[in-house]
Amino acid sequence: GSEKLPEELTNHLQNSEKPVLDYKSKDEFSEAYTEFYNTK
């Protein structure tokens, strides 16, 4: 949800092996969120 996260959390996200959607700004999130919800 933020452009930069604490490194500790970034590593934990990468190690989770779960679907992760990269940061999207308020102006560009709409399509990405919809696709993420539907497909991932």
ModelCIF file with pLDDT and N, C-alpha, C, O atoms, coordinates in Angstrom:
data_MODEL
#
_entry.id   MODEL 
#
_entity.id                         1 
_entity.type                       polymer 
_entity.pdbx_number_of_molecules   1 
#
_entity_poly.entity_id                      1 
_entity_poly.type                           'polypeptide(L)' 
_entity_poly.nstd_linkage                   no 
_entity_poly.nstd_monomer                   no 
_entity_poly.pdbx_seq_one_letter_code       GSEKLPEELTNHLQNSEKPVLDYKSKDEFSEAYTEFYNTK 
_entity_poly.pdbx_seq_one_letter_code_can   GSEKLPEELTNHLQNSEKPVLDYKSKDEFSEAYTEFYNTK 
_entity_poly.pdbx_strand_id                 A 
#
loop_
_entity_poly_seq.entity_id 
_entity_poly_seq.num 
_entity_poly_seq.mon_id 
_entity_poly_seq.hetero 
1 1  GLY n 
1 2  SER n 
1 3  GLU n 
1 4  LYS n 
1 5  LEU n 
1 6  PRO n 
1 7  GLU n 
1 8  GLU n 
1 9  LEU n 
1 10 THR n 
1 11 ASN n 
1 12 HIS n 
1 13 LEU n 
1 14 GLN n 
1 15 ASN n 
1 16 SER n 
1 17 GLU n 
1 18 LYS n 
1 19 PRO n 
1 20 VAL n 
1 21 LEU n 
1 22 ASP n 
1 23 TYR n 
1 24 LYS n 
1 25 SER n 
1 26 LYS n 
1 27 ASP n 
1 28 GLU n 
1 29 PHE n 
1 30 SER n 
1 31 GLU n 
1 32 ALA n 
1 33 TYR n 
1 34 THR n 
1 35 GLU n 
1 36 PHE n 
1 37 TYR n 
1 38 ASN n 
1 39 THR n 
1 40 LYS n 
#
_struct_asym.id          A 
_struct_asym.entity_id   1 
#
loop_
_ma_qa_metric.id 
_ma_qa_metric.mode 
_ma_qa_metric.name 
_ma_qa_metric.software_group_id 
_ma_qa_metric.type 
1 global pLDDT . pLDDT 
2 local  pLDDT . pLDDT 
#
_ma_qa_metric_global.metric_id      1 
_ma_qa_metric_global.metric_value   95.05 
_ma_qa_metric_global.model_id       1 
_ma_qa_metric_global.ordinal_id     1 
#
loop_
_ma_qa_metric_local.label_asym_id 
_ma_qa_metric_local.label_comp_id 
_ma_qa_metric_local.label_seq_id 
_ma_qa_metric_local.metric_id 
_ma_qa_metric_local.metric_value 
_ma_qa_metric_local.model_id 
_ma_qa_metric_local.ordinal_id 
A GLY 1  2 96.00 1 1  
A SER 2  2 96.00 1 2  
A GLU 3  2 95.00 1 3  
A LYS 4  2 95.00 1 4  
A LEU 5  2 96.00 1 5  
A PRO 6  2 94.00 1 6  
A GLU 7  2 95.00 1 7  
A GLU 8  2 95.00 1 8  
A LEU 9  2 96.00 1 9  
A THR 10 2 96.00 1 10 
A ASN 11 2 96.00 1 11 
A HIS 12 2 96.00 1 12 
A LEU 13 2 96.00 1 13 
A GLN 14 2 94.00 1 14 
A ASN 15 2 95.00 1 15 
A SER 16 2 94.00 1 16 
A GLU 17 2 92.00 1 17 
A LYS 18 2 96.00 1 18 
A PRO 19 2 97.00 1 19 
A VAL 20 2 97.00 1 20 
A LEU 21 2 97.00 1 21 
A ASP 22 2 96.00 1 22 
A TYR 23 2 96.00 1 23 
A LYS 24 2 95.00 1 24 
A SER 25 2 91.00 1 25 
A LYS 26 2 87.00 1 26 
A ASP 27 2 88.00 1 27 
A GLU 28 2 92.00 1 28 
A PHE 29 2 96.00 1 29 
A SER 30 2 95.00 1 30 
A GLU 31 2 95.00 1 31 
A ALA 32 2 96.00 1 32 
A TYR 33 2 97.00 1 33 
A THR 34 2 96.00 1 34 
A GLU 35 2 96.00 1 35 
A PHE 36 2 97.00 1 36 
A TYR 37 2 97.00 1 37 
A ASN 38 2 96.00 1 38 
A THR 39 2 96.00 1 39 
A LYS 40 2 96.00 1 40 
#
loop_
_atom_site.group_PDB 
_atom_site.id 
_atom_site.type_symbol 
_atom_site.label_atom_id 
_atom_site.label_alt_id 
_atom_site.label_comp_id 
_atom_site.label_asym_id 
_atom_site.label_entity_id 
_atom_site.label_seq_id 
_atom_site.pdbx_PDB_ins_code 
_atom_site.Cartn_x 
_atom_site.Cartn_y 
_atom_site.Cartn_z 
_atom_site.occupancy 
_atom_site.B_iso_or_equiv 
_atom_site.pdbx_formal_charge 
_atom_site.auth_seq_id 
_atom_site.auth_comp_id 
_atom_site.auth_asym_id 
_atom_site.auth_atom_id 
_atom_site.pdbx_PDB_model_num 
ATOM 1   N N  . GLY A 1 1  ? 0.787   -1.236  0.000   1.00 96.00 ? 1  GLY A N  1 
ATOM 2   C CA . GLY A 1 1  ? 0.000   0.000   0.000   1.00 96.00 ? 1  GLY A CA 1 
ATOM 3   C C  . GLY A 1 1  ? 0.813   1.276   0.000   1.00 96.00 ? 1  GLY A C  1 
ATOM 4   O O  . GLY A 1 1  ? 0.262   2.363   -0.177  1.00 96.00 ? 1  GLY A O  1 
ATOM 5   N N  . SER A 1 2  ? 2.130   1.159   0.198   1.00 96.00 ? 2  SER A N  1 
ATOM 6   C CA . SER A 1 2  ? 3.007   2.336   0.212   1.00 96.00 ? 2  SER A CA 1 
ATOM 7   C C  . SER A 1 2  ? 4.180   2.104   -0.730  1.00 96.00 ? 2  SER A C  1 
ATOM 8   O O  . SER A 1 2  ? 4.590   0.969   -0.973  1.00 96.00 ? 2  SER A O  1 
ATOM 9   N N  . GLU A 1 3  ? 4.713   3.208   -1.257  1.00 95.00 ? 3  GLU A N  1 
ATOM 10  C CA . GLU A 1 3  ? 5.844   3.077   -2.196  1.00 95.00 ? 3  GLU A CA 1 
ATOM 11  C C  . GLU A 1 3  ? 7.036   2.397   -1.537  1.00 95.00 ? 3  GLU A C  1 
ATOM 12  O O  . GLU A 1 3  ? 7.724   1.590   -2.162  1.00 95.00 ? 3  GLU A O  1 
ATOM 13  N N  . LYS A 1 4  ? 7.276   2.729   -0.267  1.00 95.00 ? 4  LYS A N  1 
ATOM 14  C CA . LYS A 1 4  ? 8.397   2.122   0.453   1.00 95.00 ? 4  LYS A CA 1 
ATOM 15  C C  . LYS A 1 4  ? 7.891   1.467   1.720   1.00 95.00 ? 4  LYS A C  1 
ATOM 16  O O  . LYS A 1 4  ? 7.073   2.037   2.441   1.00 95.00 ? 4  LYS A O  1 
ATOM 17  N N  . LEU A 1 5  ? 8.380   0.268   1.988   1.00 96.00 ? 5  LEU A N  1 
ATOM 18  C CA . LEU A 1 5  ? 8.046   -0.440  3.218   1.00 96.00 ? 5  LEU A CA 1 
ATOM 19  C C  . LEU A 1 5  ? 9.336   -0.727  3.980   1.00 96.00 ? 5  LEU A C  1 
ATOM 20  O O  . LEU A 1 5  ? 10.416  -0.735  3.389   1.00 96.00 ? 5  LEU A O  1 
ATOM 21  N N  . PRO A 1 6  ? 9.231   -0.964  5.308   1.00 94.00 ? 6  PRO A N  1 
ATOM 22  C CA . PRO A 1 6  ? 10.418  -1.412  6.040   1.00 94.00 ? 6  PRO A CA 1 
ATOM 23  C C  . PRO A 1 6  ? 10.971  -2.693  5.398   1.00 94.00 ? 6  PRO A C  1 
ATOM 24  O O  . PRO A 1 6  ? 10.211  -3.573  4.993   1.00 94.00 ? 6  PRO A O  1 
ATOM 25  N N  . GLU A 1 7  ? 12.282  -2.780  5.314   1.00 95.00 ? 7  GLU A N  1 
ATOM 26  C CA . GLU A 1 7  ? 12.928  -3.924  4.653   1.00 95.00 ? 7  GLU A CA 1 
ATOM 27  C C  . GLU A 1 7  ? 12.477  -5.258  5.258   1.00 95.00 ? 7  GLU A C  1 
ATOM 28  O O  . GLU A 1 7  ? 12.306  -6.254  4.555   1.00 95.00 ? 7  GLU A O  1 
ATOM 29  N N  . GLU A 1 8  ? 12.290  -5.245  6.574   1.00 95.00 ? 8  GLU A N  1 
ATOM 30  C CA . GLU A 1 8  ? 11.866  -6.450  7.286   1.00 95.00 ? 8  GLU A CA 1 
ATOM 31  C C  . GLU A 1 8  ? 10.531  -6.982  6.738   1.00 95.00 ? 8  GLU A C  1 
ATOM 32  O O  . GLU A 1 8  ? 10.338  -8.188  6.588   1.00 95.00 ? 8  GLU A O  1 
ATOM 33  N N  . LEU A 1 9  ? 9.619   -6.044  6.446   1.00 96.00 ? 9  LEU A N  1 
ATOM 34  C CA . LEU A 1 9  ? 8.313   -6.447  5.919   1.00 96.00 ? 9  LEU A CA 1 
ATOM 35  C C  . LEU A 1 9  ? 8.402   -6.859  4.457   1.00 96.00 ? 9  LEU A C  1 
ATOM 36  O O  . LEU A 1 9  ? 7.726   -7.795  4.030   1.00 96.00 ? 9  LEU A O  1 
ATOM 37  N N  . THR A 1 10 ? 9.223   -6.171  3.699   1.00 96.00 ? 10 THR A N  1 
ATOM 38  C CA . THR A 1 10 ? 9.426   -6.548  2.290   1.00 96.00 ? 10 THR A CA 1 
ATOM 39  C C  . THR A 1 10 ? 9.939   -7.974  2.201   1.00 96.00 ? 10 THR A C  1 
ATOM 40  O O  . THR A 1 10 ? 9.468   -8.758  1.377   1.00 96.00 ? 10 THR A O  1 
ATOM 41  N N  . ASN A 1 11 ? 10.904  -8.312  3.049   1.00 96.00 ? 11 ASN A N  1 
ATOM 42  C CA . ASN A 1 11 ? 11.453  -9.677  3.064   1.00 96.00 ? 11 ASN A CA 1 
ATOM 43  C C  . ASN A 1 11 ? 10.384  -10.697 3.466   1.00 96.00 ? 11 ASN A C  1 
ATOM 44  O O  . ASN A 1 11 ? 10.294  -11.781 2.889   1.00 96.00 ? 11 ASN A O  1 
ATOM 45  N N  . HIS A 1 12 ? 9.577   -10.332 4.465   1.00 96.00 ? 12 HIS A N  1 
ATOM 46  C CA . HIS A 1 12 ? 8.533   -11.251 4.935   1.00 96.00 ? 12 HIS A CA 1 
ATOM 47  C C  . HIS A 1 12 ? 7.490   -11.491 3.840   1.00 96.00 ? 12 HIS A C  1 
ATOM 48  O O  . HIS A 1 12 ? 6.995   -12.606 3.673   1.00 96.00 ? 12 HIS A O  1 
ATOM 49  N N  . LEU A 1 13 ? 7.167   -10.440 3.107   1.00 96.00 ? 13 LEU A N  1 
ATOM 50  C CA . LEU A 1 13 ? 6.236   -10.570 1.981   1.00 96.00 ? 13 LEU A CA 1 
ATOM 51  C C  . LEU A 1 13 ? 6.795   -11.514 0.915   1.00 96.00 ? 13 LEU A C  1 
ATOM 52  O O  . LEU A 1 13 ? 6.093   -12.384 0.401   1.00 96.00 ? 13 LEU A O  1 
ATOM 53  N N  . GLN A 1 14 ? 8.065   -11.319 0.602   1.00 94.00 ? 14 GLN A N  1 
ATOM 54  C CA . GLN A 1 14 ? 8.691   -12.155 -0.431  1.00 94.00 ? 14 GLN A CA 1 
ATOM 55  C C  . GLN A 1 14 ? 8.746   -13.619 -0.007  1.00 94.00 ? 14 GLN A C  1 
ATOM 56  O O  . GLN A 1 14 ? 8.578   -14.522 -0.826  1.00 94.00 ? 14 GLN A O  1 
ATOM 57  N N  . ASN A 1 15 ? 8.982   -13.837 1.273   1.00 95.00 ? 15 ASN A N  1 
ATOM 58  C CA . ASN A 1 15 ? 9.088   -15.211 1.769   1.00 95.00 ? 15 ASN A CA 1 
ATOM 59  C C  . ASN A 1 15 ? 7.737   -15.884 1.991   1.00 95.00 ? 15 ASN A C  1 
ATOM 60  O O  . ASN A 1 15 ? 7.675   -17.091 2.223   1.00 95.00 ? 15 ASN A O  1 
ATOM 61  N N  . SER A 1 16 ? 6.649   -15.103 1.921   1.00 94.00 ? 16 SER A N  1 
ATOM 62  C CA . SER A 1 16 ? 5.329   -15.653 2.237   1.00 94.00 ? 16 SER A CA 1 
ATOM 63  C C  . SER A 1 16 ? 4.816   -16.593 1.144   1.00 94.00 ? 16 SER A C  1 
ATOM 64  O O  . SER A 1 16 ? 3.957   -17.437 1.396   1.00 94.00 ? 16 SER A O  1 
ATOM 65  N N  . GLU A 1 17 ? 5.348   -16.440 -0.068  1.00 92.00 ? 17 GLU A N  1 
ATOM 66  C CA . GLU A 1 17 ? 4.919   -17.258 -1.213  1.00 92.00 ? 17 GLU A CA 1 
ATOM 67  C C  . GLU A 1 17 ? 3.417   -17.134 -1.465  1.00 92.00 ? 17 GLU A C  1 
ATOM 68  O O  . GLU A 1 17 ? 2.764   -18.079 -1.907  1.00 92.00 ? 17 GLU A O  1 
ATOM 69  N N  . LYS A 1 18 ? 2.892   -15.955 -1.175  1.00 96.00 ? 18 LYS A N  1 
ATOM 70  C CA . LYS A 1 18 ? 1.480   -15.680 -1.441  1.00 96.00 ? 18 LYS A CA 1 
ATOM 71  C C  . LYS A 1 18 ? 1.399   -14.640 -2.557  1.00 96.00 ? 18 LYS A C  1 
ATOM 72  O O  . LYS A 1 18 ? 2.375   -13.937 -2.817  1.00 96.00 ? 18 LYS A O  1 
ATOM 73  N N  . PRO A 1 19 ? 0.239   -14.535 -3.223  1.00 97.00 ? 19 PRO A N  1 
ATOM 74  C CA . PRO A 1 19 ? 0.101   -13.499 -4.251  1.00 97.00 ? 19 PRO A CA 1 
ATOM 75  C C  . PRO A 1 19 ? 0.294   -12.115 -3.639  1.00 97.00 ? 19 PRO A C  1 
ATOM 76  O O  . PRO A 1 19 ? -0.318  -11.790 -2.622  1.00 97.00 ? 19 PRO A O  1 
ATOM 77  N N  . VAL A 1 20 ? 1.142   -11.306 -4.258  1.00 97.00 ? 20 VAL A N  1 
ATOM 78  C CA . VAL A 1 20 ? 1.408   -9.946  -3.775  1.00 97.00 ? 20 VAL A CA 1 
ATOM 79  C C  . VAL A 1 20 ? 1.229   -8.973  -4.941  1.00 97.00 ? 20 VAL A C  1 
ATOM 80  O O  . VAL A 1 20 ? 1.823   -9.155  -6.004  1.00 97.00 ? 20 VAL A O  1 
ATOM 81  N N  . LEU A 1 21 ? 0.420   -7.953  -4.739  1.00 97.00 ? 21 LEU A N  1 
ATOM 82  C CA . LEU A 1 21 ? 0.270   -6.901  -5.744  1.00 97.00 ? 21 LEU A CA 1 
ATOM 83  C C  . LEU A 1 21 ? 1.180   -5.744  -5.362  1.00 97.00 ? 21 LEU A C  1 
ATOM 84  O O  . LEU A 1 21 ? 1.127   -5.247  -4.238  1.00 97.00 ? 21 LEU A O  1 
ATOM 85  N N  . ASP A 1 22 ? 2.014   -5.320  -6.301  1.00 96.00 ? 22 ASP A N  1 
ATOM 86  C CA . ASP A 1 22 ? 2.919   -4.205  -6.043  1.00 96.00 ? 22 ASP A CA 1 
ATOM 87  C C  . ASP A 1 22 ? 2.148   -2.897  -5.856  1.00 96.00 ? 22 ASP A C  1 
ATOM 88  O O  . ASP A 1 22 ? 0.971   -2.787  -6.199  1.00 96.00 ? 22 ASP A O  1 
ATOM 89  N N  . TYR A 1 23 ? 2.846   -1.928  -5.308  1.00 96.00 ? 23 TYR A N  1 
ATOM 90  C CA . TYR A 1 23 ? 2.241   -0.623  -5.019  1.00 96.00 ? 23 TYR A CA 1 
ATOM 91  C C  . TYR A 1 23 ? 1.610   0.004   -6.261  1.00 96.00 ? 23 TYR A C  1 
ATOM 92  O O  . TYR A 1 23 ? 2.202   0.029   -7.340  1.00 96.00 ? 23 TYR A O  1 
ATOM 93  N N  . LYS A 1 24 ? 0.401   0.503   -6.076  1.00 95.00 ? 24 LYS A N  1 
ATOM 94  C CA . LYS A 1 24 ? -0.282  1.265   -7.127  1.00 95.00 ? 24 LYS A CA 1 
ATOM 95  C C  . LYS A 1 24 ? -0.803  2.553   -6.496  1.00 95.00 ? 24 LYS A C  1 
ATOM 96  O O  . LYS A 1 24 ? -1.392  2.527   -5.415  1.00 95.00 ? 24 LYS A O  1 
ATOM 97  N N  . SER A 1 25 ? -0.587  3.671   -7.170  1.00 91.00 ? 25 SER A N  1 
ATOM 98  C CA . SER A 1 25 ? -1.045  4.954   -6.628  1.00 91.00 ? 25 SER A CA 1 
ATOM 99  C C  . SER A 1 25 ? -2.564  5.053   -6.740  1.00 91.00 ? 25 SER A C  1 
ATOM 100 O O  . SER A 1 25 ? -3.214  4.237   -7.394  1.00 91.00 ? 25 SER A O  1 
ATOM 101 N N  . LYS A 1 26 ? -3.104  6.069   -6.087  1.00 87.00 ? 26 LYS A N  1 
ATOM 102 C CA . LYS A 1 26 ? -4.557  6.264   -6.071  1.00 87.00 ? 26 LYS A CA 1 
ATOM 103 C C  . LYS A 1 26 ? -5.107  6.454   -7.487  1.00 87.00 ? 26 LYS A C  1 
ATOM 104 O O  . LYS A 1 26 ? -6.260  6.122   -7.762  1.00 87.00 ? 26 LYS A O  1 
ATOM 105 N N  . ASP A 1 27 ? -4.274  6.990   -8.379  1.00 88.00 ? 27 ASP A N  1 
ATOM 106 C CA . ASP A 1 27 ? -4.727  7.267   -9.749  1.00 88.00 ? 27 ASP A CA 1 
ATOM 107 C C  . ASP A 1 27 ? -4.710  6.035   -10.645 1.00 88.00 ? 27 ASP A C  1 
ATOM 108 O O  . ASP A 1 27 ? -5.342  6.039   -11.701 1.00 88.00 ? 27 ASP A O  1 
ATOM 109 N N  . GLU A 1 28 ? -4.009  4.996   -10.251 1.00 92.00 ? 28 GLU A N  1 
ATOM 110 C CA . GLU A 1 28 ? -3.830  3.857   -11.164 1.00 92.00 ? 28 GLU A CA 1 
ATOM 111 C C  . GLU A 1 28 ? -4.240  2.511   -10.575 1.00 92.00 ? 28 GLU A C  1 
ATOM 112 O O  . GLU A 1 28 ? -4.037  1.468   -11.197 1.00 92.00 ? 28 GLU A O  1 
ATOM 113 N N  . PHE A 1 29 ? -4.823  2.536   -9.364  1.00 96.00 ? 29 PHE A N  1 
ATOM 114 C CA . PHE A 1 29 ? -5.043  1.256   -8.679  1.00 96.00 ? 29 PHE A CA 1 
ATOM 115 C C  . PHE A 1 29 ? -6.234  0.462   -9.222  1.00 96.00 ? 29 PHE A C  1 
ATOM 116 O O  . PHE A 1 29 ? -6.260  -0.766  -9.136  1.00 96.00 ? 29 PHE A O  1 
ATOM 117 N N  . SER A 1 30 ? -7.208  1.164   -9.776  1.00 95.00 ? 30 SER A N  1 
ATOM 118 C CA . SER A 1 30 ? -8.520  0.576   -10.042 1.00 95.00 ? 30 SER A CA 1 
ATOM 119 C C  . SER A 1 30 ? -8.462  -0.728  -10.839 1.00 95.00 ? 30 SER A C  1 
ATOM 120 O O  . SER A 1 30 ? -8.963  -1.760  -10.392 1.00 95.00 ? 30 SER A O  1 
ATOM 121 N N  . GLU A 1 31 ? -7.858  -0.672  -12.000 1.00 95.00 ? 31 GLU A N  1 
ATOM 122 C CA . GLU A 1 31 ? -7.791  -1.863  -12.857 1.00 95.00 ? 31 GLU A CA 1 
ATOM 123 C C  . GLU A 1 31 ? -6.954  -2.968  -12.212 1.00 95.00 ? 31 GLU A C  1 
ATOM 124 O O  . GLU A 1 31 ? -7.297  -4.148  -12.278 1.00 95.00 ? 31 GLU A O  1 
ATOM 125 N N  . ALA A 1 32 ? -5.852  -2.556  -11.589 1.00 96.00 ? 32 ALA A N  1 
ATOM 126 C CA . ALA A 1 32 ? -4.932  -3.534  -10.978 1.00 96.00 ? 32 ALA A CA 1 
ATOM 127 C C  . ALA A 1 32 ? -5.617  -4.277  -9.823  1.00 96.00 ? 32 ALA A C  1 
ATOM 128 O O  . ALA A 1 32 ? -5.494  -5.496  -9.706  1.00 96.00 ? 32 ALA A O  1 
ATOM 129 N N  . TYR A 1 33 ? -6.338  -3.538  -8.972  1.00 97.00 ? 33 TYR A N  1 
ATOM 130 C CA . TYR A 1 33 ? -7.038  -4.174  -7.850  1.00 97.00 ? 33 TYR A CA 1 
ATOM 131 C C  . TYR A 1 33 ? -8.103  -5.141  -8.354  1.00 97.00 ? 33 TYR A C  1 
ATOM 132 O O  . TYR A 1 33 ? -8.239  -6.253  -7.845  1.00 97.00 ? 33 TYR A O  1 
ATOM 133 N N  . THR A 1 34 ? -8.863  -4.700  -9.371  1.00 96.00 ? 34 THR A N  1 
ATOM 134 C CA . THR A 1 34 ? -9.931  -5.542  -9.911  1.00 96.00 ? 34 THR A CA 1 
ATOM 135 C C  . THR A 1 34 ? -9.366  -6.850  -10.446 1.00 96.00 ? 34 THR A C  1 
ATOM 136 O O  . THR A 1 34 ? -9.895  -7.930  -10.184 1.00 96.00 ? 34 THR A O  1 
ATOM 137 N N  . GLU A 1 35 ? -8.288  -6.728  -11.197 1.00 96.00 ? 35 GLU A N  1 
ATOM 138 C CA . GLU A 1 35 ? -7.671  -7.939  -11.769 1.00 96.00 ? 35 GLU A CA 1 
ATOM 139 C C  . GLU A 1 35 ? -7.097  -8.828  -10.668 1.00 96.00 ? 35 GLU A C  1 
ATOM 140 O O  . GLU A 1 35 ? -7.216  -10.052 -10.721 1.00 96.00 ? 35 GLU A O  1 
ATOM 141 N N  . PHE A 1 36 ? -6.480  -8.208  -9.681  1.00 97.00 ? 36 PHE A N  1 
ATOM 142 C CA . PHE A 1 36 ? -5.889  -8.960  -8.564  1.00 97.00 ? 36 PHE A CA 1 
ATOM 143 C C  . PHE A 1 36 ? -6.971  -9.715  -7.791  1.00 97.00 ? 36 PHE A C  1 
ATOM 144 O O  . PHE A 1 36 ? -6.823  -10.901 -7.496  1.00 97.00 ? 36 PHE A O  1 
ATOM 145 N N  . TYR A 1 37 ? -8.062  -9.013  -7.467  1.00 97.00 ? 37 TYR A N  1 
ATOM 146 C CA . TYR A 1 37 ? -9.195  -9.657  -6.780  1.00 97.00 ? 37 TYR A CA 1 
ATOM 147 C C  . TYR A 1 37 ? -9.700  -10.869 -7.581  1.00 97.00 ? 37 TYR A C  1 
ATOM 148 O O  . TYR A 1 37 ? -9.896  -11.956 -7.037  1.00 97.00 ? 37 TYR A O  1 
ATOM 149 N N  . ASN A 1 38 ? -9.901  -10.650 -8.876  1.00 96.00 ? 38 ASN A N  1 
ATOM 150 C CA . ASN A 1 38 ? -10.532 -11.673 -9.709  1.00 96.00 ? 38 ASN A CA 1 
ATOM 151 C C  . ASN A 1 38 ? -9.625  -12.871 -10.007 1.00 96.00 ? 38 ASN A C  1 
ATOM 152 O O  . ASN A 1 38 ? -10.068 -14.019 -9.973  1.00 96.00 ? 38 ASN A O  1 
ATOM 153 N N  . THR A 1 39 ? -8.347  -12.590 -10.301 1.00 96.00 ? 39 THR A N  1 
ATOM 154 C CA . THR A 1 39 ? -7.477  -13.670 -10.772 1.00 96.00 ? 39 THR A CA 1 
ATOM 155 C C  . THR A 1 39 ? -6.619  -14.284 -9.657  1.00 96.00 ? 39 THR A C  1 
ATOM 156 O O  . THR A 1 39 ? -6.431  -15.500 -9.626  1.00 96.00 ? 39 THR A O  1 
ATOM 157 N N  . LYS A 1 40 ? -6.101  -13.461 -8.751  1.00 96.00 ? 40 LYS A N  1 
ATOM 158 C CA . LYS A 1 40 ? -5.176  -13.969 -7.732  1.00 96.00 ? 40 LYS A CA 1 
ATOM 159 C C  . LYS A 1 40 ? -5.868  -14.349 -6.429  1.00 96.00 ? 40 LYS A C  1 
ATOM 160 O O  . LYS A 1 40 ? -5.211  -14.790 -5.487  1.00 96.00 ? 40 LYS A O  1 
#
